[in-house]
């Protein structure tokens, strides 16, 4: 059972939507004065609710007659055969649902491992609002996070290697989205990240762009370069499952994998239909 991480983002993004509504109110002759922003008040209730809900779900499982919870690392040893840490017997079942979640994927960037970078899993829960934030990436995480941080007053740099953001969307949508974000943030496109040296509390992202070399300083760095499934940790290959090039499970339109009786939760599948 993975720890919850996505639900709080939707609750926090709503706060950013409210902030942006206030900021755009002048277009309608409404002038709003912002007194202050209490980040802790915004963030803490969202996470408290999510973890309370997660605890409630676990309690309901424990109280169910036909549910047994095994805590520990689990891996496949064969088709529909599992070995669980701390459990002597092998586990088998006619139907298996794989819902192991994903992990942030990090590119090979010099000095990145020596810099205090953030991933999406930690970024929204920061206790303090950074004054300057650099985001590396151009997908949905690189779109959500700047909206939240920017609405609450952070100066945001978005560094993306491609010519526009949200390439997974239709081209006209991605193009329009990119134009909107170019107005809101410092959007650096066509950038190749060369290194990420950290000096004191400042993090600098060194890039090359079509216009030449640039150094982009910030107080925090968010790596929004994608996510990878936990299929390798589970050793899903032992089930003879078909994985795509990114190790996602190939499924049919009903989310059933290539081995009948094995199903994959949505964030782990790569449809073949």
C-alpha atoms as a PDB file:
ATOM      1  CA  UNK A   1       0.000   0.000   0.000  1.00  0.00           C
ATOM      2  CA  UNK A   2       1.880   3.126  -1.191  1.00  0.00           C
ATOM      3  CA  UNK A   3       1.817   6.271   0.905  1.00  0.00           C
ATOM      4  CA  UNK A   4      -0.642   8.878  -0.440  1.00  0.00           C
ATOM      5  CA  UNK A   5       1.013  11.716  -2.351  1.00  0.00           C
ATOM      6  CA  UNK A   6      -1.223  12.900  -5.176  1.00  0.00           C
ATOM      7  CA  UNK A   7      -4.457  13.836  -3.390  1.00  0.00           C
ATOM      8  CA  UNK A   8      -2.986  16.772  -1.409  1.00  0.00           C
ATOM      9  CA  UNK A   9      -1.840  18.430  -4.627  1.00  0.00           C
ATOM     10  CA  UNK A  10      -5.417  18.880  -5.843  1.00  0.00           C
ATOM     11  CA  UNK A  11      -6.422  20.464  -2.537  1.00  0.00           C
ATOM     12  CA  UNK A  12      -3.431  22.808  -2.616  1.00  0.00           C
ATOM     13  CA  UNK A  13      -3.868  23.691  -6.283  1.00  0.00           C
ATOM     14  CA  UNK A  14      -7.359  24.944  -5.416  1.00  0.00           C
ATOM     15  CA  UNK A  15      -5.758  27.489  -3.071  1.00  0.00           C
ATOM     16  CA  UNK A  16      -3.597  28.652  -5.979  1.00  0.00           C
ATOM     17  CA  UNK A  17      -6.721  28.956  -8.144  1.00  0.00           C
ATOM     18  CA  UNK A  18      -8.319  31.197  -5.506  1.00  0.00           C
ATOM     19  CA  UNK A  19      -5.187  33.343  -5.359  1.00  0.00           C
ATOM     20  CA  UNK A  20      -5.087  33.723  -9.122  1.00  0.00           C
ATOM     21  CA  UNK A  21      -8.762  34.700  -9.177  1.00  0.00           C
ATOM     22  CA  UNK A  22      -7.961  37.528  -6.758  1.00  0.00           C
ATOM     23  CA  UNK A  23      -4.987  38.576  -8.867  1.00  0.00           C
ATOM     24  CA  UNK A  24      -7.121  38.714 -12.013  1.00  0.00           C
ATOM     25  CA  UNK A  25      -9.987  40.564 -10.330  1.00  0.00           C
ATOM     26  CA  UNK A  26      -8.725  43.987 -11.450  1.00  0.00           C
ATOM     27  CA  UNK A  27      -9.791  43.109 -14.994  1.00  0.00           C
ATOM     28  CA  UNK A  28     -13.367  43.341 -13.696  1.00  0.00           C
ATOM     29  CA  UNK A  29     -12.856  46.523 -11.703  1.00  0.00           C
ATOM     30  CA  UNK A  30     -12.413  44.650  -8.426  1.00  0.00           C
ATOM     31  CA  UNK A  31      -9.329  45.673  -6.458  1.00  0.00           C
ATOM     32  CA  UNK A  32      -8.219  43.196  -3.804  1.00  0.00           C
ATOM     33  CA  UNK A  33      -5.468  43.894  -1.290  1.00  0.00           C
ATOM     34  CA  UNK A  34      -3.488  40.881  -0.104  1.00  0.00           C
ATOM     35  CA  UNK A  35      -2.508  41.189   3.540  1.00  0.00           C
ATOM     36  CA  UNK A  36      -0.505  37.980   3.981  1.00  0.00           C
ATOM     37  CA  UNK A  37      -0.281  34.289   3.127  1.00  0.00           C
ATOM     38  CA  UNK A  38      -0.176  31.635   5.850  1.00  0.00           C
ATOM     39  CA  UNK A  39       1.504  28.735   4.064  1.00  0.00           C
ATOM     40  CA  UNK A  40       1.317  26.410   7.059  1.00  0.00           C
ATOM     41  CA  UNK A  41      -2.437  27.003   7.319  1.00  0.00           C
ATOM     42  CA  UNK A  42      -2.767  26.107   3.619  1.00  0.00           C
ATOM     43  CA  UNK A  43      -0.545  23.021   3.611  1.00  0.00           C
ATOM     44  CA  UNK A  44      -1.116  21.364   6.993  1.00  0.00           C
ATOM     45  CA  UNK A  45      -4.879  20.666   6.750  1.00  0.00           C
ATOM     46  CA  UNK A  46      -4.468  19.101   3.308  1.00  0.00           C
ATOM     47  CA  UNK A  47      -1.890  16.592   4.492  1.00  0.00           C
ATOM     48  CA  UNK A  48      -3.707  15.939   7.773  1.00  0.00           C
ATOM     49  CA  UNK A  49      -6.861  15.015   5.890  1.00  0.00           C
ATOM     50  CA  UNK A  50      -5.078  12.720   3.473  1.00  0.00           C
ATOM     51  CA  UNK A  51      -3.162  10.825   6.141  1.00  0.00           C
ATOM     52  CA  UNK A  52      -6.282  10.587   8.302  1.00  0.00           C
ATOM     53  CA  UNK A  53      -8.141   9.084   5.340  1.00  0.00           C
ATOM     54  CA  UNK A  54      -5.256   6.661   4.727  1.00  0.00           C
ATOM     55  CA  UNK A  55      -5.337   5.573   8.379  1.00  0.00           C
ATOM     56  CA  UNK A  56      -9.103   5.057   8.166  1.00  0.00           C
ATOM     57  CA  UNK A  57      -8.696   2.864   5.079  1.00  0.00           C
ATOM     58  CA  UNK A  58      -6.070   0.740   6.829  1.00  0.00           C
ATOM     59  CA  UNK A  59      -8.352   0.340   9.866  1.00  0.00           C
ATOM     60  CA  UNK A  60     -11.210  -0.779   7.654  1.00  0.00           C
ATOM     61  CA  UNK A  61      -8.953  -3.370   6.022  1.00  0.00           C
ATOM     62  CA  UNK A  62      -7.883  -4.725   9.409  1.00  0.00           C
ATOM     63  CA  UNK A  63     -11.510  -5.022  10.485  1.00  0.00           C
ATOM     64  CA  UNK A  64     -12.524  -6.900   7.327  1.00  0.00           C
ATOM     65  CA  UNK A  65     -12.821 -10.669   7.735  1.00  0.00           C
ATOM     66  CA  UNK A  66     -11.299 -11.557   4.371  1.00  0.00           C
ATOM     67  CA  UNK A  67      -8.400  -9.086   4.304  1.00  0.00           C
ATOM     68  CA  UNK A  68      -4.913  -9.719   5.674  1.00  0.00           C
ATOM     69  CA  UNK A  69      -2.282  -6.969   5.621  1.00  0.00           C
ATOM     70  CA  UNK A  70       1.373  -7.972   5.280  1.00  0.00           C
ATOM     71  CA  UNK A  71       3.860  -5.147   5.820  1.00  0.00           C
ATOM     72  CA  UNK A  72       7.222  -5.404   4.096  1.00  0.00           C
ATOM     73  CA  UNK A  73       8.899  -5.720   0.736  1.00  0.00           C
ATOM     74  CA  UNK A  74       7.121  -7.992  -1.720  1.00  0.00           C
ATOM     75  CA  UNK A  75       8.374  -9.406  -5.028  1.00  0.00           C
ATOM     76  CA  UNK A  76       7.311 -11.847  -7.709  1.00  0.00           C
ATOM     77  CA  UNK A  77       9.192 -15.155  -7.916  1.00  0.00           C
ATOM     78  CA  UNK A  78       7.079 -16.596 -10.724  1.00  0.00           C
ATOM     79  CA  UNK A  79       3.729 -16.223 -12.500  1.00  0.00           C
ATOM     80  CA  UNK A  80       1.202 -15.397  -9.755  1.00  0.00           C
ATOM     81  CA  UNK A  81       3.719 -16.335  -7.046  1.00  0.00           C
ATOM     82  CA  UNK A  82       4.881 -13.767  -4.490  1.00  0.00           C
ATOM     83  CA  UNK A  83       7.477 -13.747  -1.735  1.00  0.00           C
ATOM     84  CA  UNK A  84       6.808 -11.291   1.105  1.00  0.00           C
ATOM     85  CA  UNK A  85       9.420 -10.064   3.565  1.00  0.00           C
ATOM     86  CA  UNK A  86       8.952 -11.652   6.997  1.00  0.00           C
ATOM     87  CA  UNK A  87       6.480 -14.226   5.655  1.00  0.00           C
ATOM     88  CA  UNK A  88       7.763 -17.791   5.286  1.00  0.00           C
ATOM     89  CA  UNK A  89       5.239 -19.151   2.808  1.00  0.00           C
ATOM     90  CA  UNK A  90       4.901 -18.151  -0.840  1.00  0.00           C
ATOM     91  CA  UNK A  91       1.721 -16.295  -1.717  1.00  0.00           C
ATOM     92  CA  UNK A  92      -0.420 -17.231  -4.696  1.00  0.00           C
ATOM     93  CA  UNK A  93      -3.761 -16.039  -6.034  1.00  0.00           C
ATOM     94  CA  UNK A  94      -5.912 -16.422  -9.111  1.00  0.00           C
ATOM     95  CA  UNK A  95      -6.295 -12.653  -9.335  1.00  0.00           C
ATOM     96  CA  UNK A  96      -3.539 -10.156  -8.533  1.00  0.00           C
ATOM     97  CA  UNK A  97      -3.814  -6.364  -8.676  1.00  0.00           C
ATOM     98  CA  UNK A  98      -0.495  -4.528  -8.959  1.00  0.00           C
ATOM     99  CA  UNK A  99      -0.863  -1.102  -7.342  1.00  0.00           C
ATOM    100  CA  UNK A 100       2.676  -0.359  -6.199  1.00  0.00           C
ATOM    101  CA  UNK A 101       2.883   3.242  -7.369  1.00  0.00           C
ATOM    102  CA  UNK A 102       5.761   5.135  -8.945  1.00  0.00           C
ATOM    103  CA  UNK A 103       8.989   6.895  -7.998  1.00  0.00           C
ATOM    104  CA  UNK A 104      10.503  10.140  -9.314  1.00  0.00           C
ATOM    105  CA  UNK A 105      12.885   9.618 -12.240  1.00  0.00           C
ATOM    106  CA  UNK A 106      16.087  11.650 -12.123  1.00  0.00           C
ATOM    107  CA  UNK A 107      18.352  12.289 -15.127  1.00  0.00           C
ATOM    108  CA  UNK A 108      22.108  11.964 -14.887  1.00  0.00           C
ATOM    109  CA  UNK A 109      23.136  15.566 -14.154  1.00  0.00           C
ATOM    110  CA  UNK A 110      26.594  16.375 -12.739  1.00  0.00           C
ATOM    111  CA  UNK A 111      26.492  17.556  -9.101  1.00  0.00           C
ATOM    112  CA  UNK A 112      22.769  16.832  -8.759  1.00  0.00           C
ATOM    113  CA  UNK A 113      23.389  14.234  -6.060  1.00  0.00           C
ATOM    114  CA  UNK A 114      25.291  16.866  -4.055  1.00  0.00           C
ATOM    115  CA  UNK A 115      22.527  19.460  -4.300  1.00  0.00           C
ATOM    116  CA  UNK A 116      19.459  19.664  -2.004  1.00  0.00           C
ATOM    117  CA  UNK A 117      16.914  19.118  -4.764  1.00  0.00           C
ATOM    118  CA  UNK A 118      13.229  18.380  -4.223  1.00  0.00           C
ATOM    119  CA  UNK A 119      10.878  15.988  -5.953  1.00  0.00           C
ATOM    120  CA  UNK A 120       7.125  16.427  -6.217  1.00  0.00           C
ATOM    121  CA  UNK A 121       6.717  14.119  -3.207  1.00  0.00           C
ATOM    122  CA  UNK A 122       8.353  16.715  -0.932  1.00  0.00           C
ATOM    123  CA  UNK A 123       7.850  20.040  -2.699  1.00  0.00           C
ATOM    124  CA  UNK A 124       4.239  20.840  -1.841  1.00  0.00           C
ATOM    125  CA  UNK A 125       4.846  20.036   1.815  1.00  0.00           C
ATOM    126  CA  UNK A 126       7.672  22.534   2.305  1.00  0.00           C
ATOM    127  CA  UNK A 127       7.175  24.380   5.608  1.00  0.00           C
ATOM    128  CA  UNK A 128       8.401  27.677   4.125  1.00  0.00           C
ATOM    129  CA  UNK A 129       7.686  29.303   0.788  1.00  0.00           C
ATOM    130  CA  UNK A 130      10.922  29.692  -1.246  1.00  0.00           C
ATOM    131  CA  UNK A 131      11.571  33.120  -2.720  1.00  0.00           C
ATOM    132  CA  UNK A 132      12.954  31.638  -5.949  1.00  0.00           C
ATOM    133  CA  UNK A 133      12.227  28.181  -7.342  1.00  0.00           C
ATOM    134  CA  UNK A 134      13.747  26.490 -10.385  1.00  0.00           C
ATOM    135  CA  UNK A 135      11.791  23.621 -11.933  1.00  0.00           C
ATOM    136  CA  UNK A 136      13.422  21.196 -14.364  1.00  0.00           C
ATOM    137  CA  UNK A 137      10.874  19.470 -16.586  1.00  0.00           C
ATOM    138  CA  UNK A 138       7.905  20.177 -18.816  1.00  0.00           C
ATOM    139  CA  UNK A 139       5.173  17.647 -18.026  1.00  0.00           C
ATOM    140  CA  UNK A 140       2.200  17.732 -15.684  1.00  0.00           C
ATOM    141  CA  UNK A 141       4.273  18.024 -12.498  1.00  0.00           C
ATOM    142  CA  UNK A 142       6.248  20.896 -14.007  1.00  0.00           C
ATOM    143  CA  UNK A 143       2.889  22.522 -14.765  1.00  0.00           C
ATOM    144  CA  UNK A 144       1.134  21.972 -11.423  1.00  0.00           C
ATOM    145  CA  UNK A 145       3.938  22.983  -9.104  1.00  0.00           C
ATOM    146  CA  UNK A 146       4.748  26.422 -10.605  1.00  0.00           C
ATOM    147  CA  UNK A 147       1.042  27.274 -10.527  1.00  0.00           C
ATOM    148  CA  UNK A 148       0.931  26.627  -6.784  1.00  0.00           C
ATOM    149  CA  UNK A 149       4.240  28.261  -5.861  1.00  0.00           C
ATOM    150  CA  UNK A 150       3.810  31.179  -8.257  1.00  0.00           C
ATOM    151  CA  UNK A 151       0.324  32.032  -7.022  1.00  0.00           C
ATOM    152  CA  UNK A 152       1.686  32.229  -3.470  1.00  0.00           C
ATOM    153  CA  UNK A 153       4.451  34.645  -4.467  1.00  0.00           C
ATOM    154  CA  UNK A 154       7.461  32.558  -5.483  1.00  0.00           C
ATOM    155  CA  UNK A 155       9.522  33.656  -8.488  1.00  0.00           C
ATOM    156  CA  UNK A 156       9.554  30.545 -10.691  1.00  0.00           C
ATOM    157  CA  UNK A 157      12.003  29.471 -13.395  1.00  0.00           C
ATOM    158  CA  UNK A 158      10.912  26.534 -15.575  1.00  0.00           C
ATOM    159  CA  UNK A 159      13.744  24.836 -17.447  1.00  0.00           C
ATOM    160  CA  UNK A 160      12.682  22.460 -20.213  1.00  0.00           C
ATOM    161  CA  UNK A 161      14.705  20.746 -22.916  1.00  0.00           C
ATOM    162  CA  UNK A 162      11.938  20.887 -25.530  1.00  0.00           C
ATOM    163  CA  UNK A 163      10.431  23.784 -27.433  1.00  0.00           C
ATOM    164  CA  UNK A 164       7.102  23.721 -25.599  1.00  0.00           C
ATOM    165  CA  UNK A 165       5.545  22.285 -22.457  1.00  0.00           C
ATOM    166  CA  UNK A 166       2.987  19.499 -22.084  1.00  0.00           C
ATOM    167  CA  UNK A 167       4.030  17.552 -25.181  1.00  0.00           C
ATOM    168  CA  UNK A 168       1.669  14.730 -24.154  1.00  0.00           C
ATOM    169  CA  UNK A 169      -1.263  17.018 -25.008  1.00  0.00           C
ATOM    170  CA  UNK A 170      -2.545  17.925 -28.476  1.00  0.00           C
ATOM    171  CA  UNK A 171      -0.157  20.323 -30.169  1.00  0.00           C
ATOM    172  CA  UNK A 172      -2.562  23.273 -30.135  1.00  0.00           C
ATOM    173  CA  UNK A 173      -3.217  22.759 -26.405  1.00  0.00           C
ATOM    174  CA  UNK A 174       0.501  22.441 -25.626  1.00  0.00           C
ATOM    175  CA  UNK A 175       1.275  25.553 -27.667  1.00  0.00           C
ATOM    176  CA  UNK A 176      -1.404  27.616 -25.928  1.00  0.00           C
ATOM    177  CA  UNK A 177      -0.356  26.325 -22.502  1.00  0.00           C
ATOM    178  CA  UNK A 178       3.259  27.272 -23.206  1.00  0.00           C
ATOM    179  CA  UNK A 179       2.269  30.827 -24.165  1.00  0.00           C
ATOM    180  CA  UNK A 180       0.279  31.243 -20.953  1.00  0.00           C
ATOM    181  CA  UNK A 181       3.197  30.035 -18.841  1.00  0.00           C
ATOM    182  CA  UNK A 182       5.623  32.291 -20.705  1.00  0.00           C
ATOM    183  CA  UNK A 183       3.556  35.230 -19.449  1.00  0.00           C
ATOM    184  CA  UNK A 184       3.423  33.972 -15.865  1.00  0.00           C
ATOM    185  CA  UNK A 185       6.907  32.548 -15.325  1.00  0.00           C
ATOM    186  CA  UNK A 186      10.499  32.686 -16.520  1.00  0.00           C
ATOM    187  CA  UNK A 187      10.223  29.859 -19.052  1.00  0.00           C
ATOM    188  CA  UNK A 188      13.533  28.657 -20.502  1.00  0.00           C
ATOM    189  CA  UNK A 189      12.929  26.312 -23.441  1.00  0.00           C
ATOM    190  CA  UNK A 190      15.328  24.242 -25.514  1.00  0.00           C
ATOM    191  CA  UNK A 191      17.644  24.081 -22.510  1.00  0.00           C
ATOM    192  CA  UNK A 192      20.168  21.346 -21.810  1.00  0.00           C
ATOM    193  CA  UNK A 193      21.091  21.172 -18.121  1.00  0.00           C
ATOM    194  CA  UNK A 194      24.862  20.804 -17.756  1.00  0.00           C
ATOM    195  CA  UNK A 195      25.369  20.834 -14.004  1.00  0.00           C
ATOM    196  CA  UNK A 196      23.727  21.887 -10.740  1.00  0.00           C
ATOM    197  CA  UNK A 197      26.327  23.301  -8.349  1.00  0.00           C
ATOM    198  CA  UNK A 198      25.145  24.303  -4.882  1.00  0.00           C
ATOM    199  CA  UNK A 199      26.869  27.183  -3.086  1.00  0.00           C
ATOM    200  CA  UNK A 200      25.677  27.713   0.458  1.00  0.00           C
ATOM    201  CA  UNK A 201      21.908  28.033   0.445  1.00  0.00           C
ATOM    202  CA  UNK A 202      21.779  28.978  -3.256  1.00  0.00           C
ATOM    203  CA  UNK A 203      21.363  26.424  -6.040  1.00  0.00           C
ATOM    204  CA  UNK A 204      22.461  27.330  -9.560  1.00  0.00           C
ATOM    205  CA  UNK A 205      21.312  25.479 -12.665  1.00  0.00           C
ATOM    206  CA  UNK A 206      23.815  25.817 -15.501  1.00  0.00           C
ATOM    207  CA  UNK A 207      22.249  25.315 -18.937  1.00  0.00           C
ATOM    208  CA  UNK A 208      22.964  25.756 -22.616  1.00  0.00           C
ATOM    209  CA  UNK A 209      20.178  27.169 -24.793  1.00  0.00           C
ATOM    210  CA  UNK A 210      19.903  28.165 -28.459  1.00  0.00           C
ATOM    211  CA  UNK A 211      20.952  31.641 -27.264  1.00  0.00           C
ATOM    212  CA  UNK A 212      24.036  30.416 -25.389  1.00  0.00           C
ATOM    213  CA  UNK A 213      25.031  29.474 -21.842  1.00  0.00           C
ATOM    214  CA  UNK A 214      23.068  30.618 -18.794  1.00  0.00           C
ATOM    215  CA  UNK A 215      23.324  30.272 -15.028  1.00  0.00           C
ATOM    216  CA  UNK A 216      19.996  30.347 -13.188  1.00  0.00           C
ATOM    217  CA  UNK A 217      20.178  30.913  -9.405  1.00  0.00           C
ATOM    218  CA  UNK A 218      17.390  29.884  -7.036  1.00  0.00           C
ATOM    219  CA  UNK A 219      16.662  29.046  -3.413  1.00  0.00           C
ATOM    220  CA  UNK A 220      15.083  25.668  -4.189  1.00  0.00           C
ATOM    221  CA  UNK A 221      15.219  23.185  -7.057  1.00  0.00           C
ATOM    222  CA  UNK A 222      12.343  20.912  -8.051  1.00  0.00           C
ATOM    223  CA  UNK A 223      13.101  17.940 -10.284  1.00  0.00           C
ATOM    224  CA  UNK A 224       9.939  17.354 -12.339  1.00  0.00           C
ATOM    225  CA  UNK A 225      11.506  15.085 -14.939  1.00  0.00           C
ATOM    226  CA  UNK A 226       8.968  12.281 -14.799  1.00  0.00           C
ATOM    227  CA  UNK A 227       8.198   9.174 -12.781  1.00  0.00           C
ATOM    228  CA  UNK A 228       8.974   5.485 -13.189  1.00  0.00           C
ATOM    229  CA  UNK A 229       6.952   2.510 -11.933  1.00  0.00           C
ATOM    230  CA  UNK A 230       8.035   0.229  -9.102  1.00  0.00           C
ATOM    231  CA  UNK A 231       7.857  -2.791 -11.394  1.00  0.00           C
ATOM    232  CA  UNK A 232      11.607  -3.410 -11.057  1.00  0.00           C
ATOM    233  CA  UNK A 233      11.393  -3.523  -7.251  1.00  0.00           C
ATOM    234  CA  UNK A 234       8.540  -6.026  -7.518  1.00  0.00           C
ATOM    235  CA  UNK A 235      10.512  -8.027 -10.102  1.00  0.00           C
ATOM    236  CA  UNK A 236       7.412  -8.152 -12.301  1.00  0.00           C
ATOM    237  CA  UNK A 237       9.504  -9.683 -15.091  1.00  0.00           C
ATOM    238  CA  UNK A 238       9.285 -13.017 -13.212  1.00  0.00           C
ATOM    239  CA  UNK A 239       5.592 -13.169 -14.143  1.00  0.00           C
ATOM    240  CA  UNK A 240       6.412 -13.112 -17.876  1.00  0.00           C
ATOM    241  CA  UNK A 241       4.579  -9.805 -18.040  1.00  0.00           C
ATOM    242  CA  UNK A 242       5.243  -7.610 -21.060  1.00  0.00           C
ATOM    243  CA  UNK A 243       6.827  -4.310 -20.025  1.00  0.00           C
ATOM    244  CA  UNK A 244       7.358  -1.360 -22.322  1.00  0.00           C
ATOM    245  CA  UNK A 245      10.614   0.566 -22.706  1.00  0.00           C
ATOM    246  CA  UNK A 246       9.898   2.586 -19.539  1.00  0.00           C
ATOM    247  CA  UNK A 247       9.072  -0.547 -17.500  1.00  0.00           C
ATOM    248  CA  UNK A 248       5.335   0.151 -17.433  1.00  0.00           C
ATOM    249  CA  UNK A 249       3.050  -2.878 -17.684  1.00  0.00           C
ATOM    250  CA  UNK A 250       1.374  -3.403 -21.041  1.00  0.00           C
ATOM    251  CA  UNK A 251      -2.359  -3.933 -20.562  1.00  0.00           C
ATOM    252  CA  UNK A 252      -5.532  -4.177 -22.565  1.00  0.00           C
ATOM    253  CA  UNK A 253      -8.294  -1.573 -22.364  1.00  0.00           C
ATOM    254  CA  UNK A 254      -9.610  -3.208 -19.182  1.00  0.00           C
ATOM    255  CA  UNK A 255      -6.177  -2.868 -17.477  1.00  0.00           C
ATOM    256  CA  UNK A 256      -5.560  -6.630 -17.582  1.00  0.00           C
ATOM    257  CA  UNK A 257      -1.922  -7.503 -18.180  1.00  0.00           C
ATOM    258  CA  UNK A 258      -0.604 -10.071 -20.646  1.00  0.00           C
ATOM    259  CA  UNK A 259      -0.868 -12.810 -17.993  1.00  0.00           C
ATOM    260  CA  UNK A 260      -4.603 -13.511 -17.455  1.00  0.00           C
ATOM    261  CA  UNK A 261      -5.683 -12.652 -13.929  1.00  0.00           C
ATOM    262  CA  UNK A 262      -3.023  -9.997 -13.333  1.00  0.00           C
ATOM    263  CA  UNK A 263      -4.237  -6.411 -13.425  1.00  0.00           C
ATOM    264  CA  UNK A 264      -2.416  -3.096 -13.138  1.00  0.00           C
ATOM    265  CA  UNK A 265      -3.590   0.083 -11.447  1.00  0.00           C
ATOM    266  CA  UNK A 266      -3.809   3.009 -13.860  1.00  0.00           C
ATOM    267  CA  UNK A 267      -0.501   4.710 -13.006  1.00  0.00           C
ATOM    268  CA  UNK A 268       1.419   1.500 -13.796  1.00  0.00           C
ATOM    269  CA  UNK A 269      -0.042   0.605 -17.156  1.00  0.00           C
ATOM    270  CA  UNK A 270       1.005   1.233 -20.737  1.00  0.00           C
ATOM    271  CA  UNK A 271      -1.906   0.253 -23.024  1.00  0.00           C
ATOM    272  CA  UNK A 272      -1.304  -1.828 -26.122  1.00  0.00           C
ATOM    273  CA  UNK A 273      -4.796  -1.270 -27.541  1.00  0.00           C
END
